[in-house]
Amino acid sequence: MNLLKNPDYVRRRYDELWNRENHDRPILTIQAPRRNAPSPPEPPRGVESRWLDFDYLIKKARYQAENAYYTAETVPAYWPNFGPDIFAAMLGCPLEFSADTSWSHPIVDDWAEFGTFAIDPANPWYQKLVELTKMAVDDAKGDYIVGLTDLHPGADAMVALRGPENLCLDLMDEPEQTAEISRKLAAPLKSIFNELYDITWENNGGGTSNWMTTYCNEPWYVTSCDFCTMISGEQFERFVVPELEDEIRFFKNSIFHLDGVGAFRHLDRLLAIEGLKGVQLVPGDAEKPIYECVEEMRKIQSSKKLLQFYGKAEDMLKACEFIEPEGVHILTFADSPEEADAIVKEFERLFRR
């Protein structure tokens, strides 16, 4: 965090967040450009090159770190990104890229013939991920945090490997085998997490971040199951919860990414998991704005869990009219340093109760 004027203050504020002791206002990440920033590096031609030209990606990471405006608890950070199916790709799935995301192609016709659930060191996506993470650390030299990539194990990995329709059939036709496979996917997750943390911890001062932008002075990671929008509470309990609890015990510090109103039916079960530290609430603006999720936000806070959400500043402020600041982290955006500072003042004013 060498690019910050006050890194010790920011680290202390994130300790307050994880301990739910930020009594003045929510912890704020406000992504904004600094004044008079130079032009960004020229992107390479071709969609795939914009994901896989590592020299360009590192130049872009350095540019963004040096040309952001840092206010409140915003942390300079970069995380190597190959899209949400990189975990499945490291288990053998081919990846395809578009301008904004990537996706995998299923490879499993029969789980009995899949083989071992382990990441092969010769896997090209594993090698690319490790290489890019090391390159980022070499460039950062403590100036910015190098976060961990977006790993989706468990049922989400099974969707990528098998396809959503086939996995839904597996839940009904082969329930015991499906539950066992979900649990087996925890081993390669732990292996790659430990390796990436070992690469990044010294640069990060022992801390961790990832795509969620929340920082922690200890190891932490996102837990998630986007597939849960397609299954019942009973299926969630049988096929998701055992593997999820294993992840949560392993990470020690984790926030669950609850994505979509259809997933909210599992919120009560998630809040009953003792080791889970928090929930990121993502209703999807087209379905329901965050400021209308009062019941869900209050449930999370009454369970003594962290609450994370993101969006336009005006929507974030409206949502905060119904909650307390303790344990809340908000990600929002501004077009200038002046706008970013004004947003901080608005939050301070709102919680001056």
Protein backbone atom coordinates (compact mmCIF):
# COMPACT_ATOMS: atom_id res chain seq x y z
CA MET A 1 0.00 0.00 0.00
CA ASN A 2 2.97 2.32 -0.53
CA LEU A 3 0.87 4.49 -2.85
CA LEU A 4 -1.32 5.53 0.09
CA LYS A 5 -0.46 8.54 2.23
CA ASN A 6 -1.92 6.77 5.27
CA PRO A 7 -1.61 2.97 4.92
CA ASP A 8 -1.59 2.34 8.68
CA TYR A 9 -4.88 4.20 9.04
CA VAL A 10 -6.45 2.15 6.23
CA ARG A 11 -5.24 -1.14 7.70
CA ARG A 12 -6.64 -0.12 11.08
CA ARG A 13 -9.99 0.76 9.53
CA TYR A 14 -10.28 -2.67 7.92
CA ASP A 15 -9.54 -4.26 11.29
CA GLU A 16 -12.46 -2.22 12.61
CA LEU A 17 -14.63 -3.52 9.77
CA TRP A 18 -13.89 -7.20 10.44
CA ASN A 19 -14.51 -6.65 14.15
CA ARG A 20 -17.65 -4.60 13.48
CA GLU A 21 -16.16 -1.64 15.34
CA ASN A 22 -16.44 1.05 12.64
CA HIS A 23 -18.99 3.16 14.52
CA ASP A 24 -18.72 6.39 12.54
CA ARG A 25 -19.76 5.27 9.05
CA PRO A 26 -19.42 2.30 6.67
CA ILE A 27 -15.99 1.46 5.29
CA LEU A 28 -15.86 2.98 1.81
CA THR A 29 -14.11 1.98 -1.40
CA ILE A 30 -14.62 4.77 -3.95
CA GLN A 31 -13.11 4.14 -7.35
CA ALA A 32 -12.21 7.51 -8.92
CA PRO A 33 -9.47 8.88 -11.22
CA ARG A 34 -6.92 11.39 -10.01
CA ARG A 35 -6.66 14.79 -11.64
CA ASN A 36 -4.66 15.16 -14.87
CA ALA A 37 -4.05 11.45 -15.33
CA PRO A 38 -2.07 10.56 -18.47
CA SER A 39 -3.54 8.36 -21.17
CA PRO A 40 -3.77 4.66 -20.29
CA PRO A 41 -1.57 2.08 -22.05
CA GLU A 42 -2.74 1.14 -25.53
CA PRO A 43 -4.56 -2.21 -25.43
CA PRO A 44 -3.44 -4.94 -27.81
CA ARG A 45 -5.53 -5.92 -30.79
CA GLY A 46 -7.82 -8.89 -30.46
CA VAL A 47 -10.19 -9.87 -27.67
CA GLU A 48 -8.12 -12.74 -26.31
CA SER A 49 -4.93 -10.65 -26.24
CA ARG A 50 -6.58 -8.19 -23.87
CA TRP A 51 -6.90 -11.06 -21.39
CA LEU A 52 -3.64 -12.86 -22.07
CA ASP A 53 -1.05 -10.24 -23.00
CA PHE A 54 0.63 -10.21 -19.58
CA ASP A 55 2.95 -7.29 -20.31
CA TYR A 56 -0.08 -5.16 -21.17
CA LEU A 57 -2.01 -6.34 -18.11
CA ILE A 58 0.84 -5.42 -15.76
CA LYS A 59 1.28 -2.01 -17.39
CA LYS A 60 -2.46 -1.47 -17.00
CA ALA A 61 -2.35 -2.55 -13.34
CA ARG A 62 0.49 -0.12 -12.63
CA TYR A 63 -1.28 2.67 -14.52
CA GLN A 64 -4.54 2.17 -12.61
CA ALA A 65 -2.77 2.00 -9.26
CA GLU A 66 -0.80 5.18 -9.87
CA ASN A 67 -3.64 7.17 -11.41
CA ALA A 68 -6.46 6.45 -8.98
CA TYR A 69 -7.58 8.92 -6.35
CA TYR A 70 -7.50 7.41 -2.87
CA THR A 71 -9.96 8.60 -0.27
CA ALA A 72 -11.67 6.96 2.71
CA GLU A 73 -10.56 3.30 2.80
CA THR A 74 -9.88 2.79 -0.91
CA VAL A 75 -6.93 0.43 -1.41
CA PRO A 76 -4.65 0.29 -4.47
CA ALA A 77 -5.14 -3.24 -5.74
CA TYR A 78 -5.00 -5.50 -8.77
CA TRP A 79 -6.14 -9.09 -9.08
CA PRO A 80 -5.28 -11.43 -11.99
CA ASN A 81 -8.54 -12.07 -13.82
CA PHE A 82 -9.30 -14.85 -16.28
CA GLY A 83 -13.05 -14.86 -15.63
CA PRO A 84 -15.25 -16.88 -13.25
CA ASP A 85 -14.40 -20.32 -14.66
CA ILE A 86 -10.63 -20.28 -14.16
CA PHE A 87 -10.94 -22.95 -11.44
CA ALA A 88 -12.75 -25.29 -13.86
CA ALA A 89 -10.18 -24.44 -16.54
CA MET A 90 -7.40 -25.57 -14.20
CA LEU A 91 -9.29 -28.88 -13.95
CA GLY A 92 -9.34 -29.27 -17.73
CA CYS A 93 -12.13 -27.15 -19.22
CA PRO A 94 -11.30 -25.02 -22.27
CA LEU A 95 -11.90 -21.27 -21.84
CA GLU A 96 -13.39 -18.87 -24.34
CA PHE A 97 -13.16 -15.07 -24.04
CA SER A 98 -15.39 -12.16 -24.96
CA ALA A 99 -14.72 -8.47 -24.41
CA ASP A 100 -16.16 -8.51 -20.87
CA THR A 101 -16.03 -12.06 -19.55
CA SER A 102 -15.02 -15.64 -20.26
CA TRP A 103 -16.75 -18.98 -20.00
CA SER A 104 -15.79 -22.62 -20.03
CA HIS A 105 -17.04 -25.54 -22.10
CA PRO A 106 -18.13 -28.64 -20.13
CA ILE A 107 -15.98 -31.74 -20.46
CA VAL A 108 -17.62 -34.27 -18.13
CA ASP A 109 -19.95 -36.88 -19.65
CA ASP A 110 -19.64 -39.27 -16.73
CA TRP A 111 -18.22 -38.32 -13.31
CA ALA A 112 -16.95 -41.89 -12.85
CA GLU A 113 -14.57 -41.35 -15.78
CA PHE A 114 -13.40 -37.86 -14.82
CA GLY A 115 -10.30 -38.98 -12.93
CA THR A 116 -8.66 -37.32 -9.96
CA PHE A 117 -9.84 -33.99 -8.57
CA ALA A 118 -6.49 -32.24 -8.55
CA ILE A 119 -4.82 -29.44 -10.48
CA ASP A 120 -2.14 -30.74 -12.82
CA PRO A 121 0.98 -28.51 -12.61
CA ALA A 122 1.25 -28.92 -16.40
CA ASN A 123 -2.22 -27.42 -16.92
CA PRO A 124 -1.72 -24.28 -19.06
CA TRP A 125 -4.30 -22.19 -17.16
CA TYR A 126 -2.67 -23.04 -13.85
CA GLN A 127 0.68 -22.00 -15.28
CA LYS A 128 -0.74 -18.74 -16.67
CA LEU A 129 -2.40 -17.86 -13.35
CA VAL A 130 0.76 -18.46 -11.33
CA GLU A 131 2.90 -16.60 -13.87
CA LEU A 132 0.63 -13.53 -13.95
CA THR A 133 0.33 -13.43 -10.16
CA LYS A 134 4.13 -13.52 -9.80
CA MET A 135 4.54 -10.82 -12.45
CA ALA A 136 2.10 -8.60 -10.57
CA VAL A 137 3.99 -9.09 -7.30
CA ASP A 138 7.29 -8.29 -9.03
CA ASP A 139 5.81 -5.07 -10.41
CA ALA A 140 3.90 -4.02 -7.27
CA LYS A 141 6.85 -4.08 -4.85
CA GLY A 142 4.42 -3.16 -2.08
CA ASP A 143 2.92 -0.20 -3.96
CA TYR A 144 -0.39 -1.98 -4.52
CA ILE A 145 -2.09 -5.10 -3.21
CA VAL A 146 -2.05 -8.14 -5.47
CA GLY A 147 -5.35 -9.89 -4.89
CA LEU A 148 -6.29 -13.49 -5.56
CA THR A 149 -8.14 -14.54 -8.69
CA ASP A 150 -11.85 -15.44 -8.85
CA LEU A 151 -12.15 -19.11 -7.83
CA HIS A 152 -15.51 -20.91 -8.02
CA PRO A 153 -15.30 -24.41 -6.51
CA GLY A 154 -18.14 -26.68 -5.35
CA ALA A 155 -21.40 -26.63 -7.28
CA ASP A 156 -20.29 -23.73 -9.50
CA ALA A 157 -17.26 -25.71 -10.64
CA MET A 158 -19.52 -28.69 -11.28
CA VAL A 159 -21.76 -26.52 -13.46
CA ALA A 160 -18.71 -25.48 -15.49
CA LEU A 161 -17.43 -29.05 -15.79
CA ARG A 162 -20.76 -30.79 -16.43
CA GLY A 163 -23.19 -28.11 -17.69
CA PRO A 164 -26.14 -26.73 -15.69
CA GLU A 165 -28.83 -28.96 -17.21
CA ASN A 166 -26.80 -32.13 -16.65
CA LEU A 167 -25.94 -31.13 -13.11
CA CYS A 168 -29.61 -30.55 -12.29
CA LEU A 169 -30.32 -34.08 -13.52
CA ASP A 170 -27.41 -35.40 -11.45
CA LEU A 171 -28.96 -33.95 -8.30
CA MET A 172 -32.01 -36.15 -8.86
CA ASP A 173 -30.48 -39.22 -10.50
CA GLU A 174 -27.18 -39.56 -8.61
CA PRO A 175 -27.57 -37.50 -5.40
CA GLU A 176 -24.96 -39.32 -3.28
CA GLN A 177 -22.31 -39.21 -6.02
CA THR A 178 -23.04 -35.53 -6.72
CA ALA A 179 -22.69 -34.55 -3.07
CA GLU A 180 -19.41 -36.45 -2.80
CA ILE A 181 -17.96 -34.78 -5.89
CA SER A 182 -18.82 -31.34 -4.54
CA ARG A 183 -16.85 -32.14 -1.38
CA LYS A 184 -13.89 -33.48 -3.40
CA LEU A 185 -13.51 -30.12 -5.15
CA ALA A 186 -12.47 -28.52 -1.85
CA ALA A 187 -9.00 -30.10 -2.04
CA PRO A 188 -7.82 -28.37 -5.25
CA LEU A 189 -9.37 -25.11 -4.01
CA LYS A 190 -7.29 -25.21 -0.83
CA SER A 191 -4.19 -26.11 -2.79
CA ILE A 192 -4.40 -23.20 -5.24
CA PHE A 193 -5.47 -20.72 -2.55
CA ASN A 194 -2.43 -21.60 -0.42
CA GLU A 195 -0.11 -21.30 -3.40
CA LEU A 196 -1.46 -17.89 -4.45
CA TYR A 197 -1.40 -16.61 -0.87
CA ASP A 198 2.22 -17.74 -0.50
CA ILE A 199 3.11 -15.79 -3.66
CA THR A 200 1.35 -12.59 -2.56
CA TRP A 201 1.49 -12.40 1.24
CA GLU A 202 4.82 -10.58 1.59
CA ASN A 203 3.89 -7.92 -0.97
CA ASN A 204 0.53 -7.52 0.78
CA GLY A 205 1.95 -7.25 4.28
CA GLY A 206 0.27 -10.53 5.23
CA GLY A 207 -3.14 -9.34 4.09
CA THR A 208 -5.47 -10.37 1.29
CA SER A 209 -7.92 -8.93 -1.20
CA ASN A 210 -9.77 -10.14 -4.29
CA TRP A 211 -12.43 -9.02 -6.77
CA MET A 212 -14.78 -7.94 -3.94
CA THR A 213 -12.26 -5.14 -3.04
CA THR A 214 -12.64 -5.79 0.70
CA TYR A 215 -9.21 -5.90 2.35
CA CYS A 216 -8.23 -7.97 5.38
CA ASN A 217 -4.97 -7.94 7.33
CA GLU A 218 -5.19 -11.75 7.42
CA PRO A 219 -5.97 -14.39 4.78
CA TRP A 220 -9.59 -14.24 3.58
CA TYR A 221 -11.63 -15.24 0.56
CA VAL A 222 -15.04 -15.01 -1.07
CA THR A 223 -17.36 -17.99 -0.76
CA SER A 224 -20.15 -18.33 -3.30
CA CYS A 225 -22.59 -20.56 -5.14
CA ASP A 226 -24.27 -18.86 -8.08
CA PHE A 227 -25.93 -22.20 -8.88
CA CYS A 228 -28.03 -21.87 -5.72
CA THR A 229 -30.61 -19.76 -7.59
CA MET A 230 -31.61 -22.98 -9.40
CA ILE A 231 -32.08 -25.26 -6.39
CA SER A 232 -34.39 -25.64 -3.41
CA GLY A 233 -33.53 -25.17 0.24
CA GLU A 234 -33.39 -28.94 0.71
CA GLN A 235 -30.97 -29.33 -2.20
CA PHE A 236 -28.89 -26.41 -0.92
CA GLU A 237 -28.59 -28.15 2.44
CA ARG A 238 -27.55 -31.47 0.92
CA PHE A 239 -25.34 -30.46 -2.00
CA VAL A 240 -23.91 -27.05 -1.07
CA VAL A 241 -23.74 -26.59 2.70
CA PRO A 242 -21.27 -29.43 3.58
CA GLU A 243 -18.67 -28.25 1.05
CA LEU A 244 -19.35 -24.60 1.91
CA GLU A 245 -18.80 -25.22 5.63
CA ASP A 246 -15.51 -26.92 4.79
CA GLU A 247 -14.43 -23.83 2.80
CA ILE A 248 -15.45 -21.50 5.63
CA ARG A 249 -13.46 -23.47 8.20
CA PHE A 250 -10.44 -23.40 5.90
CA PHE A 251 -10.54 -19.68 5.06
CA LYS A 252 -11.37 -18.57 8.63
CA ASN A 253 -12.37 -15.17 7.19
CA SER A 254 -14.96 -15.31 4.42
CA ILE A 255 -17.83 -13.31 2.95
CA PHE A 256 -20.51 -15.12 0.94
CA HIS A 257 -21.41 -13.60 -2.45
CA LEU A 258 -25.23 -13.90 -2.55
CA ASP A 259 -26.06 -13.09 -6.15
CA GLY A 260 -29.62 -12.45 -7.29
CA VAL A 261 -33.01 -12.18 -5.60
CA GLY A 262 -33.60 -15.85 -6.41
CA ALA A 263 -30.68 -16.75 -4.12
CA PHE A 264 -32.05 -14.76 -1.18
CA ARG A 265 -34.20 -17.71 -0.08
CA HIS A 266 -30.99 -19.30 1.23
CA LEU A 267 -30.01 -16.29 3.37
CA ASP A 268 -31.35 -17.67 6.66
CA ARG A 269 -29.39 -20.89 6.22
CA LEU A 270 -26.22 -18.97 5.42
CA LEU A 271 -26.59 -16.77 8.48
CA ALA A 272 -26.86 -19.90 10.63
CA ILE A 273 -23.31 -20.93 9.65
CA GLU A 274 -21.32 -19.83 12.66
CA GLY A 275 -17.94 -19.36 10.98
CA LEU A 276 -19.21 -17.26 8.08
CA LYS A 277 -18.08 -13.67 8.66
CA GLY A 278 -20.34 -11.82 6.23
CA VAL A 279 -22.59 -11.63 3.19
CA GLN A 280 -22.30 -9.57 0.03
CA LEU A 281 -25.85 -8.76 -1.02
CA VAL A 282 -26.31 -8.47 -4.81
CA PRO A 283 -29.99 -8.17 -5.72
CA GLY A 284 -29.39 -7.09 -9.32
CA ASP A 285 -30.72 -3.64 -10.12
CA ALA A 286 -33.14 -4.99 -12.72
CA GLU A 287 -34.75 -7.23 -10.11
CA LYS A 288 -34.68 -5.09 -6.99
CA PRO A 289 -32.57 -2.07 -5.96
CA ILE A 290 -30.39 -2.55 -2.90
CA TYR A 291 -32.29 0.10 -0.90
CA GLU A 292 -35.40 -2.09 -1.12
CA CYS A 293 -33.57 -5.02 0.50
CA VAL A 294 -34.18 -3.69 4.02
CA GLU A 295 -35.32 -7.02 5.47
CA GLU A 296 -32.25 -8.85 4.16
CA MET A 297 -29.81 -6.15 5.29
CA ARG A 298 -31.27 -6.06 8.78
CA LYS A 299 -31.20 -9.86 9.03
CA ILE A 300 -27.50 -9.86 8.19
CA GLN A 301 -26.75 -7.16 10.75
CA SER A 302 -28.84 -8.77 13.48
CA SER A 303 -26.83 -11.97 12.92
CA LYS A 304 -23.62 -10.02 13.69
CA LYS A 305 -22.27 -10.63 10.19
CA LEU A 306 -20.50 -8.18 7.89
CA LEU A 307 -22.58 -6.65 5.11
CA GLN A 308 -21.05 -5.71 1.75
CA PHE A 309 -22.79 -4.18 -1.25
CA TYR A 310 -21.98 -1.95 -4.20
CA GLY A 311 -23.50 0.42 -6.74
CA LYS A 312 -24.19 4.08 -7.46
CA ALA A 313 -23.52 6.40 -4.53
CA GLU A 314 -27.08 7.74 -4.42
CA ASP A 315 -28.44 4.18 -4.09
CA MET A 316 -25.86 3.30 -1.44
CA LEU A 317 -26.80 6.35 0.64
CA LYS A 318 -30.48 5.52 0.35
CA ALA A 319 -29.81 1.95 1.52
CA CYS A 320 -27.85 3.23 4.52
CA GLU A 321 -30.88 5.07 5.85
CA PHE A 322 -32.12 1.69 7.14
CA ILE A 323 -28.96 0.17 8.67
CA GLU A 324 -26.17 0.77 11.17
CA PRO A 325 -22.58 1.39 10.02
CA GLU A 326 -20.86 -1.37 11.99
CA GLY A 327 -19.48 -4.15 9.78
CA VAL A 328 -20.62 -2.51 6.53
CA HIS A 329 -18.35 -2.14 3.51
CA ILE A 330 -19.58 -0.27 0.43
CA LEU A 331 -18.03 -0.06 -3.03
CA THR A 332 -19.07 2.89 -5.19
CA PHE A 333 -17.74 5.12 -7.95
CA ALA A 334 -16.97 8.77 -8.74
CA ASP A 335 -15.82 10.70 -11.79
CA SER A 336 -13.42 13.02 -9.97
CA PRO A 337 -11.57 13.53 -6.67
CA GLU A 338 -14.03 16.28 -5.75
CA GLU A 339 -17.00 13.96 -6.26
CA ALA A 340 -15.29 11.19 -4.27
CA ASP A 341 -14.62 13.51 -1.31
CA ALA A 342 -18.21 14.77 -1.47
CA ILE A 343 -19.49 11.18 -1.26
CA VAL A 344 -17.43 10.57 1.89
CA LYS A 345 -18.91 13.71 3.48
CA GLU A 346 -22.43 12.56 2.59
CA PHE A 347 -21.87 9.26 4.41
CA GLU A 348 -20.38 11.07 7.40
CA ARG A 349 -23.37 13.38 7.51
CA LEU A 350 -25.84 10.52 7.22
CA PHE A 351 -24.38 8.66 10.21
CA ARG A 352 -23.96 11.73 12.40
CA ARG A 353 -26.99 10.69 14.39
